[in-house]
Amino acid sequence: MPARLRAASKAMRYHTEALEGQAGGRVADGWVAIIDDHQSVRSCLSRVMRLERIRAEVFVSAEEYLAYPAPTLPSCLVLDIQLPGMSGYALAQLLDRERPPLPPVVFISAHDGLLASLEHDPLAHGSLKKPFEMDDLLALVKPLL
């Protein structure tokens, strides 16, 4: 099956499952912070989280996330490594050092070298190479909620 059809099929499955199996269901108590400078990534990830009944807040930069007056820590950060201004990795380091405890971080990037540098890094709960399967992201995020 071509990738485009596979992606459309997955999107339809998420939509169908959300409407049939979880309509009216309760949104998870925890929340996920999605920090990525690409609007299309933020939109897609936010939509998938909403369909899975996971509360998500999206941020265009590390600085925007730091300025957000959240009443509670997120259950997880989905964090692009390469952001304009402060990098995603620098944000994780800052949060770990100055605002502990650091929530589990799932780093995302289109660059293999950046992801490889996170191997065995204690700041990384997981990492995914863009483009990635939504099921892979959900497998990392859902147990944290």
N, C-alpha and C. Protein backbone atom coordinates (compact mmCIF):
# COMPACT_ATOMS: atom_id res chain seq x y z
N MET A 1 0.85 -1.17 0.00
CA MET A 1 0.00 0.00 0.00
C MET A 1 0.90 1.24 0.00
N PRO A 2 0.65 2.19 -0.89
CA PRO A 2 1.46 3.41 -0.92
C PRO A 2 1.37 4.16 0.41
N ALA A 3 2.45 4.87 0.73
CA ALA A 3 2.54 5.58 2.01
C ALA A 3 1.38 6.55 2.20
N ARG A 4 0.98 7.22 1.14
CA ARG A 4 -0.10 8.20 1.24
C ARG A 4 -1.42 7.54 1.65
N LEU A 5 -1.70 6.40 1.04
CA LEU A 5 -2.92 5.68 1.39
C LEU A 5 -2.83 5.10 2.79
N ARG A 6 -1.65 4.63 3.18
CA ARG A 6 -1.45 4.09 4.52
C ARG A 6 -1.70 5.17 5.57
N ALA A 7 -1.18 6.37 5.30
CA ALA A 7 -1.38 7.49 6.23
C ALA A 7 -2.85 7.87 6.32
N ALA A 8 -3.53 7.92 5.18
CA ALA A 8 -4.96 8.26 5.17
C ALA A 8 -5.76 7.18 5.91
N SER A 9 -5.38 5.94 5.71
CA SER A 9 -6.07 4.84 6.38
C SER A 9 -5.90 4.94 7.89
N LYS A 10 -4.68 5.25 8.34
CA LYS A 10 -4.43 5.39 9.78
C LYS A 10 -5.23 6.56 10.35
N ALA A 11 -5.25 7.68 9.62
CA ALA A 11 -5.99 8.84 10.10
C ALA A 11 -7.46 8.50 10.22
N MET A 12 -7.99 7.77 9.26
CA MET A 12 -9.39 7.39 9.31
C MET A 12 -9.64 6.44 10.48
N ARG A 13 -8.71 5.52 10.74
CA ARG A 13 -8.86 4.61 11.86
C ARG A 13 -8.92 5.38 13.18
N TYR A 14 -8.02 6.36 13.34
CA TYR A 14 -8.05 7.15 14.57
C TYR A 14 -9.40 7.86 14.70
N HIS A 15 -9.86 8.43 13.60
CA HIS A 15 -11.12 9.16 13.61
C HIS A 15 -12.27 8.21 13.96
N THR A 16 -12.30 7.06 13.34
CA THR A 16 -13.38 6.09 13.57
C THR A 16 -13.35 5.57 15.00
N GLU A 17 -12.17 5.20 15.51
CA GLU A 17 -12.08 4.70 16.87
C GLU A 17 -12.51 5.76 17.87
N ALA A 18 -12.13 7.00 17.63
CA ALA A 18 -12.50 8.06 18.56
C ALA A 18 -14.00 8.26 18.57
N LEU A 19 -14.63 8.21 17.41
CA LEU A 19 -16.07 8.42 17.35
C LEU A 19 -16.85 7.24 17.89
N GLU A 20 -16.41 6.02 17.59
CA GLU A 20 -17.15 4.84 18.01
C GLU A 20 -16.86 4.44 19.45
N GLY A 21 -15.59 4.32 19.78
CA GLY A 21 -15.22 3.73 21.05
C GLY A 21 -15.10 4.70 22.20
N GLN A 22 -14.86 5.97 21.92
CA GLN A 22 -14.56 6.87 23.02
C GLN A 22 -15.41 8.13 23.02
N ALA A 23 -16.36 8.23 22.15
CA ALA A 23 -17.18 9.44 22.12
C ALA A 23 -17.79 9.66 23.50
N GLY A 24 -17.66 10.85 24.00
CA GLY A 24 -18.19 11.16 25.32
C GLY A 24 -17.28 10.68 26.44
N GLY A 25 -16.19 10.05 26.09
CA GLY A 25 -15.26 9.55 27.10
C GLY A 25 -14.54 10.69 27.78
N ARG A 26 -13.95 10.39 28.91
CA ARG A 26 -13.25 11.40 29.71
C ARG A 26 -11.84 11.61 29.18
N VAL A 27 -11.42 12.86 29.11
CA VAL A 27 -10.06 13.20 28.71
C VAL A 27 -9.13 12.83 29.86
N ALA A 28 -7.96 12.31 29.52
CA ALA A 28 -6.99 11.91 30.54
C ALA A 28 -6.64 13.09 31.45
N ASP A 29 -6.37 12.80 32.73
CA ASP A 29 -6.04 13.85 33.69
C ASP A 29 -4.72 14.53 33.36
N GLY A 30 -3.72 13.75 32.94
CA GLY A 30 -2.42 14.32 32.60
C GLY A 30 -2.49 15.06 31.28
N TRP A 31 -1.43 15.75 30.98
CA TRP A 31 -1.40 16.45 29.70
C TRP A 31 -0.01 16.36 29.09
N VAL A 32 0.03 16.61 27.79
CA VAL A 32 1.27 16.51 27.03
C VAL A 32 1.59 17.88 26.45
N ALA A 33 2.83 18.30 26.59
CA ALA A 33 3.31 19.54 25.96
C ALA A 33 4.01 19.16 24.67
N ILE A 34 3.55 19.73 23.57
CA ILE A 34 4.15 19.49 22.25
C ILE A 34 4.87 20.77 21.85
N ILE A 35 6.18 20.67 21.66
CA ILE A 35 6.98 21.86 21.36
C ILE A 35 7.70 21.61 20.04
N ASP A 36 7.24 22.28 19.00
CA ASP A 36 7.82 22.12 17.66
C ASP A 36 7.58 23.40 16.88
N ASP A 37 8.57 23.82 16.10
CA ASP A 37 8.44 25.07 15.37
C ASP A 37 7.65 24.93 14.06
N HIS A 38 7.32 23.73 13.65
CA HIS A 38 6.55 23.53 12.42
C HIS A 38 5.06 23.41 12.74
N GLN A 39 4.27 24.32 12.19
CA GLN A 39 2.84 24.35 12.46
C GLN A 39 2.17 23.05 12.07
N SER A 40 2.57 22.45 10.96
CA SER A 40 1.94 21.22 10.51
C SER A 40 2.17 20.08 11.51
N VAL A 41 3.35 20.01 12.10
CA VAL A 41 3.63 18.98 13.10
C VAL A 41 2.79 19.23 14.34
N ARG A 42 2.77 20.45 14.82
CA ARG A 42 1.96 20.77 16.01
C ARG A 42 0.49 20.44 15.78
N SER A 43 -0.02 20.81 14.63
CA SER A 43 -1.43 20.56 14.31
C SER A 43 -1.74 19.07 14.26
N CYS A 44 -0.90 18.32 13.58
CA CYS A 44 -1.11 16.88 13.44
C CYS A 44 -1.04 16.18 14.79
N LEU A 45 -0.01 16.47 15.57
CA LEU A 45 0.15 15.82 16.87
C LEU A 45 -0.98 16.20 17.83
N SER A 46 -1.38 17.45 17.79
CA SER A 46 -2.48 17.91 18.63
C SER A 46 -3.77 17.18 18.27
N ARG A 47 -4.03 17.02 16.99
CA ARG A 47 -5.24 16.33 16.52
C ARG A 47 -5.24 14.87 16.97
N VAL A 48 -4.11 14.19 16.82
CA VAL A 48 -4.02 12.79 17.24
C VAL A 48 -4.25 12.68 18.75
N MET A 49 -3.65 13.56 19.52
CA MET A 49 -3.83 13.52 20.97
C MET A 49 -5.30 13.74 21.33
N ARG A 50 -5.93 14.69 20.67
CA ARG A 50 -7.34 14.97 20.94
C ARG A 50 -8.20 13.74 20.63
N LEU A 51 -7.94 13.09 19.50
CA LEU A 51 -8.70 11.89 19.14
C LEU A 51 -8.47 10.75 20.12
N GLU A 52 -7.30 10.73 20.73
CA GLU A 52 -6.99 9.70 21.73
C GLU A 52 -7.42 10.12 23.14
N ARG A 53 -8.11 11.26 23.23
CA ARG A 53 -8.57 11.79 24.52
C ARG A 53 -7.42 12.14 25.45
N ILE A 54 -6.34 12.64 24.86
CA ILE A 54 -5.18 13.10 25.63
C ILE A 54 -5.12 14.62 25.50
N ARG A 55 -5.12 15.30 26.61
CA ARG A 55 -5.03 16.76 26.58
C ARG A 55 -3.62 17.16 26.17
N ALA A 56 -3.53 18.05 25.21
CA ALA A 56 -2.23 18.52 24.73
C ALA A 56 -2.25 20.02 24.57
N GLU A 57 -1.13 20.63 24.90
CA GLU A 57 -0.91 22.05 24.65
C GLU A 57 0.26 22.13 23.68
N VAL A 58 0.17 23.04 22.72
CA VAL A 58 1.24 23.15 21.72
C VAL A 58 1.97 24.49 21.87
N PHE A 59 3.27 24.43 21.57
CA PHE A 59 4.13 25.60 21.72
C PHE A 59 5.06 25.66 20.51
N VAL A 60 5.31 26.86 20.01
CA VAL A 60 6.14 27.06 18.84
C VAL A 60 7.63 27.14 19.18
N SER A 61 7.94 27.35 20.45
CA SER A 61 9.35 27.51 20.84
C SER A 61 9.54 27.13 22.31
N ALA A 62 10.80 26.94 22.67
CA ALA A 62 11.14 26.67 24.07
C ALA A 62 10.74 27.87 24.94
N GLU A 63 10.98 29.04 24.42
CA GLU A 63 10.66 30.26 25.17
C GLU A 63 9.16 30.37 25.44
N GLU A 64 8.34 30.01 24.45
CA GLU A 64 6.89 30.06 24.65
C GLU A 64 6.47 29.06 25.73
N TYR A 65 7.06 27.87 25.71
CA TYR A 65 6.75 26.89 26.74
C TYR A 65 7.15 27.40 28.13
N LEU A 66 8.33 27.99 28.25
CA LEU A 66 8.80 28.49 29.54
C LEU A 66 7.90 29.61 30.09
N ALA A 67 7.27 30.37 29.20
CA ALA A 67 6.40 31.46 29.63
C ALA A 67 4.98 31.00 29.96
N TYR A 68 4.65 29.76 29.65
CA TYR A 68 3.30 29.24 29.87
C TYR A 68 3.04 29.01 31.36
N PRO A 69 1.99 29.62 31.89
CA PRO A 69 1.71 29.49 33.33
C PRO A 69 0.90 28.22 33.65
N ALA A 70 1.48 27.07 33.45
CA ALA A 70 0.77 25.82 33.69
C ALA A 70 0.59 25.58 35.19
N PRO A 71 -0.61 25.20 35.61
CA PRO A 71 -0.82 24.91 37.03
C PRO A 71 -0.18 23.59 37.46
N THR A 72 0.06 22.68 36.51
CA THR A 72 0.71 21.40 36.82
C THR A 72 1.75 21.10 35.74
N LEU A 73 2.70 20.24 36.10
CA LEU A 73 3.68 19.79 35.11
C LEU A 73 2.99 18.89 34.09
N PRO A 74 3.45 18.93 32.84
CA PRO A 74 2.91 17.97 31.88
C PRO A 74 3.38 16.56 32.25
N SER A 75 2.61 15.58 31.81
CA SER A 75 3.00 14.18 32.01
C SER A 75 4.16 13.82 31.12
N CYS A 76 4.32 14.58 30.03
CA CYS A 76 5.33 14.28 29.02
C CYS A 76 5.57 15.51 28.15
N LEU A 77 6.81 15.64 27.69
CA LEU A 77 7.14 16.65 26.68
C LEU A 77 7.44 15.92 25.38
N VAL A 78 6.80 16.34 24.29
CA VAL A 78 7.18 15.90 22.95
C VAL A 78 7.92 17.08 22.37
N LEU A 79 9.23 16.93 22.21
CA LEU A 79 10.11 18.08 22.04
C LEU A 79 11.01 17.94 20.82
N ASP A 80 10.86 18.86 19.88
CA ASP A 80 11.73 18.91 18.72
C ASP A 80 13.12 19.32 19.20
N ILE A 81 14.13 18.61 18.76
CA ILE A 81 15.50 18.92 19.20
C ILE A 81 15.96 20.26 18.62
N GLN A 82 15.66 20.49 17.35
CA GLN A 82 16.11 21.72 16.69
C GLN A 82 14.99 22.74 16.67
N LEU A 83 15.09 23.72 17.53
CA LEU A 83 14.13 24.81 17.58
C LEU A 83 14.87 26.11 17.34
N PRO A 84 14.19 27.12 16.79
CA PRO A 84 14.84 28.44 16.70
C PRO A 84 15.01 28.99 18.12
N GLY A 85 16.04 29.76 18.34
CA GLY A 85 16.30 30.25 19.69
C GLY A 85 16.88 29.13 20.52
N MET A 86 16.31 28.90 21.70
CA MET A 86 16.79 27.83 22.57
C MET A 86 16.43 26.48 21.96
N SER A 87 17.41 25.60 21.86
CA SER A 87 17.15 24.28 21.27
C SER A 87 16.30 23.44 22.23
N GLY A 88 15.70 22.40 21.68
CA GLY A 88 14.91 21.49 22.51
C GLY A 88 15.76 20.82 23.58
N TYR A 89 16.96 20.44 23.21
CA TYR A 89 17.83 19.79 24.19
C TYR A 89 18.23 20.76 25.29
N ALA A 90 18.52 22.01 24.93
CA ALA A 90 18.85 23.02 25.93
C ALA A 90 17.66 23.27 26.87
N LEU A 91 16.45 23.22 26.33
CA LEU A 91 15.26 23.36 27.17
C LEU A 91 15.18 22.22 28.18
N ALA A 92 15.39 21.00 27.73
CA ALA A 92 15.35 19.85 28.64
C ALA A 92 16.41 19.99 29.74
N GLN A 93 17.61 20.42 29.37
CA GLN A 93 18.66 20.62 30.37
C GLN A 93 18.28 21.69 31.39
N LEU A 94 17.73 22.80 30.89
CA LEU A 94 17.32 23.89 31.78
C LEU A 94 16.22 23.43 32.74
N LEU A 95 15.22 22.72 32.22
CA LEU A 95 14.14 22.24 33.07
C LEU A 95 14.65 21.25 34.11
N ASP A 96 15.55 20.39 33.71
CA ASP A 96 16.12 19.41 34.63
C ASP A 96 16.91 20.09 35.75
N ARG A 97 17.63 21.13 35.39
CA ARG A 97 18.50 21.82 36.33
C ARG A 97 17.73 22.83 37.20
N GLU A 98 16.82 23.60 36.59
CA GLU A 98 16.21 24.72 37.29
C GLU A 98 14.75 24.54 37.69
N ARG A 99 14.06 23.57 37.08
CA ARG A 99 12.65 23.35 37.40
C ARG A 99 12.35 21.86 37.57
N PRO A 100 13.11 21.19 38.42
CA PRO A 100 12.87 19.75 38.57
C PRO A 100 11.51 19.49 39.22
N PRO A 101 10.94 18.35 39.02
CA PRO A 101 11.46 17.23 38.23
C PRO A 101 11.15 17.43 36.74
N LEU A 102 12.06 16.96 35.91
CA LEU A 102 11.87 17.01 34.47
C LEU A 102 10.87 15.94 34.07
N PRO A 103 9.77 16.34 33.40
CA PRO A 103 8.85 15.31 32.90
C PRO A 103 9.57 14.43 31.87
N PRO A 104 9.10 13.22 31.65
CA PRO A 104 9.70 12.40 30.59
C PRO A 104 9.66 13.15 29.26
N VAL A 105 10.75 13.05 28.51
CA VAL A 105 10.87 13.78 27.24
C VAL A 105 10.99 12.79 26.09
N VAL A 106 10.13 12.98 25.09
CA VAL A 106 10.24 12.26 23.83
C VAL A 106 10.77 13.27 22.82
N PHE A 107 12.03 13.10 22.44
CA PHE A 107 12.65 13.99 21.47
C PHE A 107 12.26 13.55 20.07
N ILE A 108 11.99 14.53 19.21
CA ILE A 108 11.69 14.26 17.81
C ILE A 108 12.61 15.10 16.94
N SER A 109 13.01 14.53 15.81
CA SER A 109 13.89 15.24 14.88
C SER A 109 13.90 14.52 13.54
N ALA A 110 14.19 15.27 12.50
CA ALA A 110 14.36 14.68 11.17
C ALA A 110 15.82 14.31 10.93
N HIS A 111 16.69 14.57 11.90
CA HIS A 111 18.13 14.38 11.71
C HIS A 111 18.63 13.18 12.53
N ASP A 112 19.09 12.17 11.82
CA ASP A 112 19.59 10.96 12.48
C ASP A 112 20.73 11.26 13.46
N GLY A 113 21.63 12.16 13.08
CA GLY A 113 22.78 12.47 13.93
C GLY A 113 22.36 13.04 15.27
N LEU A 114 21.36 13.91 15.26
CA LEU A 114 20.88 14.49 16.52
C LEU A 114 20.25 13.41 17.41
N LEU A 115 19.47 12.54 16.79
CA LEU A 115 18.84 11.46 17.56
C LEU A 115 19.88 10.48 18.09
N ALA A 116 20.90 10.20 17.28
CA ALA A 116 21.95 9.28 17.71
C ALA A 116 22.69 9.83 18.93
N SER A 117 22.81 11.14 19.01
CA SER A 117 23.51 11.74 20.14
C SER A 117 22.74 11.57 21.45
N LEU A 118 21.46 11.20 21.37
CA LEU A 118 20.64 11.01 22.57
C LEU A 118 20.67 9.59 23.11
N GLU A 119 21.31 8.69 22.37
CA GLU A 119 21.37 7.30 22.82
C GLU A 119 22.03 7.25 24.19
N HIS A 120 21.38 6.62 25.13
CA HIS A 120 21.84 6.48 26.52
C HIS A 120 21.83 7.80 27.29
N ASP A 121 21.16 8.82 26.77
CA ASP A 121 21.07 10.10 27.48
C ASP A 121 19.95 10.01 28.52
N PRO A 122 20.24 10.31 29.77
CA PRO A 122 19.22 10.19 30.82
C PRO A 122 18.06 11.18 30.67
N LEU A 123 18.24 12.23 29.88
CA LEU A 123 17.15 13.19 29.69
C LEU A 123 16.09 12.67 28.72
N ALA A 124 16.42 11.67 27.92
CA ALA A 124 15.51 11.19 26.88
C ALA A 124 14.74 9.96 27.34
N HIS A 125 13.44 10.11 27.42
CA HIS A 125 12.56 8.95 27.67
C HIS A 125 12.47 8.12 26.39
N GLY A 126 12.53 8.82 25.26
CA GLY A 126 12.47 8.17 23.95
C GLY A 126 12.79 9.17 22.87
N SER A 127 12.95 8.67 21.65
CA SER A 127 13.20 9.56 20.52
C SER A 127 12.59 8.94 19.27
N LEU A 128 12.15 9.81 18.37
CA LEU A 128 11.52 9.38 17.13
C LEU A 128 12.04 10.23 15.98
N LYS A 129 12.29 9.56 14.86
CA LYS A 129 12.74 10.27 13.65
C LYS A 129 11.53 10.66 12.81
N LYS A 130 11.46 11.95 12.48
CA LYS A 130 10.39 12.44 11.60
C LYS A 130 10.64 11.95 10.18
N PRO A 131 9.63 11.57 9.46
CA PRO A 131 8.26 11.34 9.92
C PRO A 131 8.17 10.02 10.66
N PHE A 132 7.34 9.97 11.67
CA PHE A 132 7.21 8.74 12.47
C PHE A 132 5.75 8.31 12.48
N GLU A 133 5.54 7.07 12.87
CA GLU A 133 4.19 6.53 12.98
C GLU A 133 3.57 7.04 14.28
N MET A 134 2.32 7.46 14.21
CA MET A 134 1.63 7.95 15.41
C MET A 134 1.54 6.87 16.48
N ASP A 135 1.40 5.62 16.07
CA ASP A 135 1.35 4.52 17.04
C ASP A 135 2.63 4.45 17.86
N ASP A 136 3.76 4.76 17.24
CA ASP A 136 5.04 4.74 17.96
C ASP A 136 5.08 5.85 19.02
N LEU A 137 4.57 7.02 18.65
CA LEU A 137 4.52 8.12 19.62
C LEU A 137 3.56 7.78 20.75
N LEU A 138 2.39 7.29 20.41
CA LEU A 138 1.40 6.95 21.44
C LEU A 138 1.90 5.86 22.38
N ALA A 139 2.69 4.93 21.85
CA ALA A 139 3.25 3.86 22.70
C ALA A 139 4.20 4.44 23.75
N LEU A 140 4.85 5.55 23.45
CA LEU A 140 5.73 6.20 24.41
C LEU A 140 4.96 7.10 25.38
N VAL A 141 3.91 7.75 24.88
CA VAL A 141 3.20 8.76 25.68
C VAL A 141 2.14 8.16 26.59
N LYS A 142 1.33 7.25 26.09
CA LYS A 142 0.18 6.76 26.86
C LYS A 142 0.55 6.17 28.23
N PRO A 143 1.62 5.40 28.35
CA PRO A 143 1.94 4.87 29.69
C PRO A 143 2.30 5.96 30.71
N LEU A 144 2.59 7.15 30.26
CA LEU A 144 3.00 8.23 31.15
C LEU A 144 1.82 9.00 31.73
N LEU A 145 0.64 8.76 31.18
CA LEU A 145 -0.55 9.52 31.62
C LEU A 145 -1.23 8.87 32.81
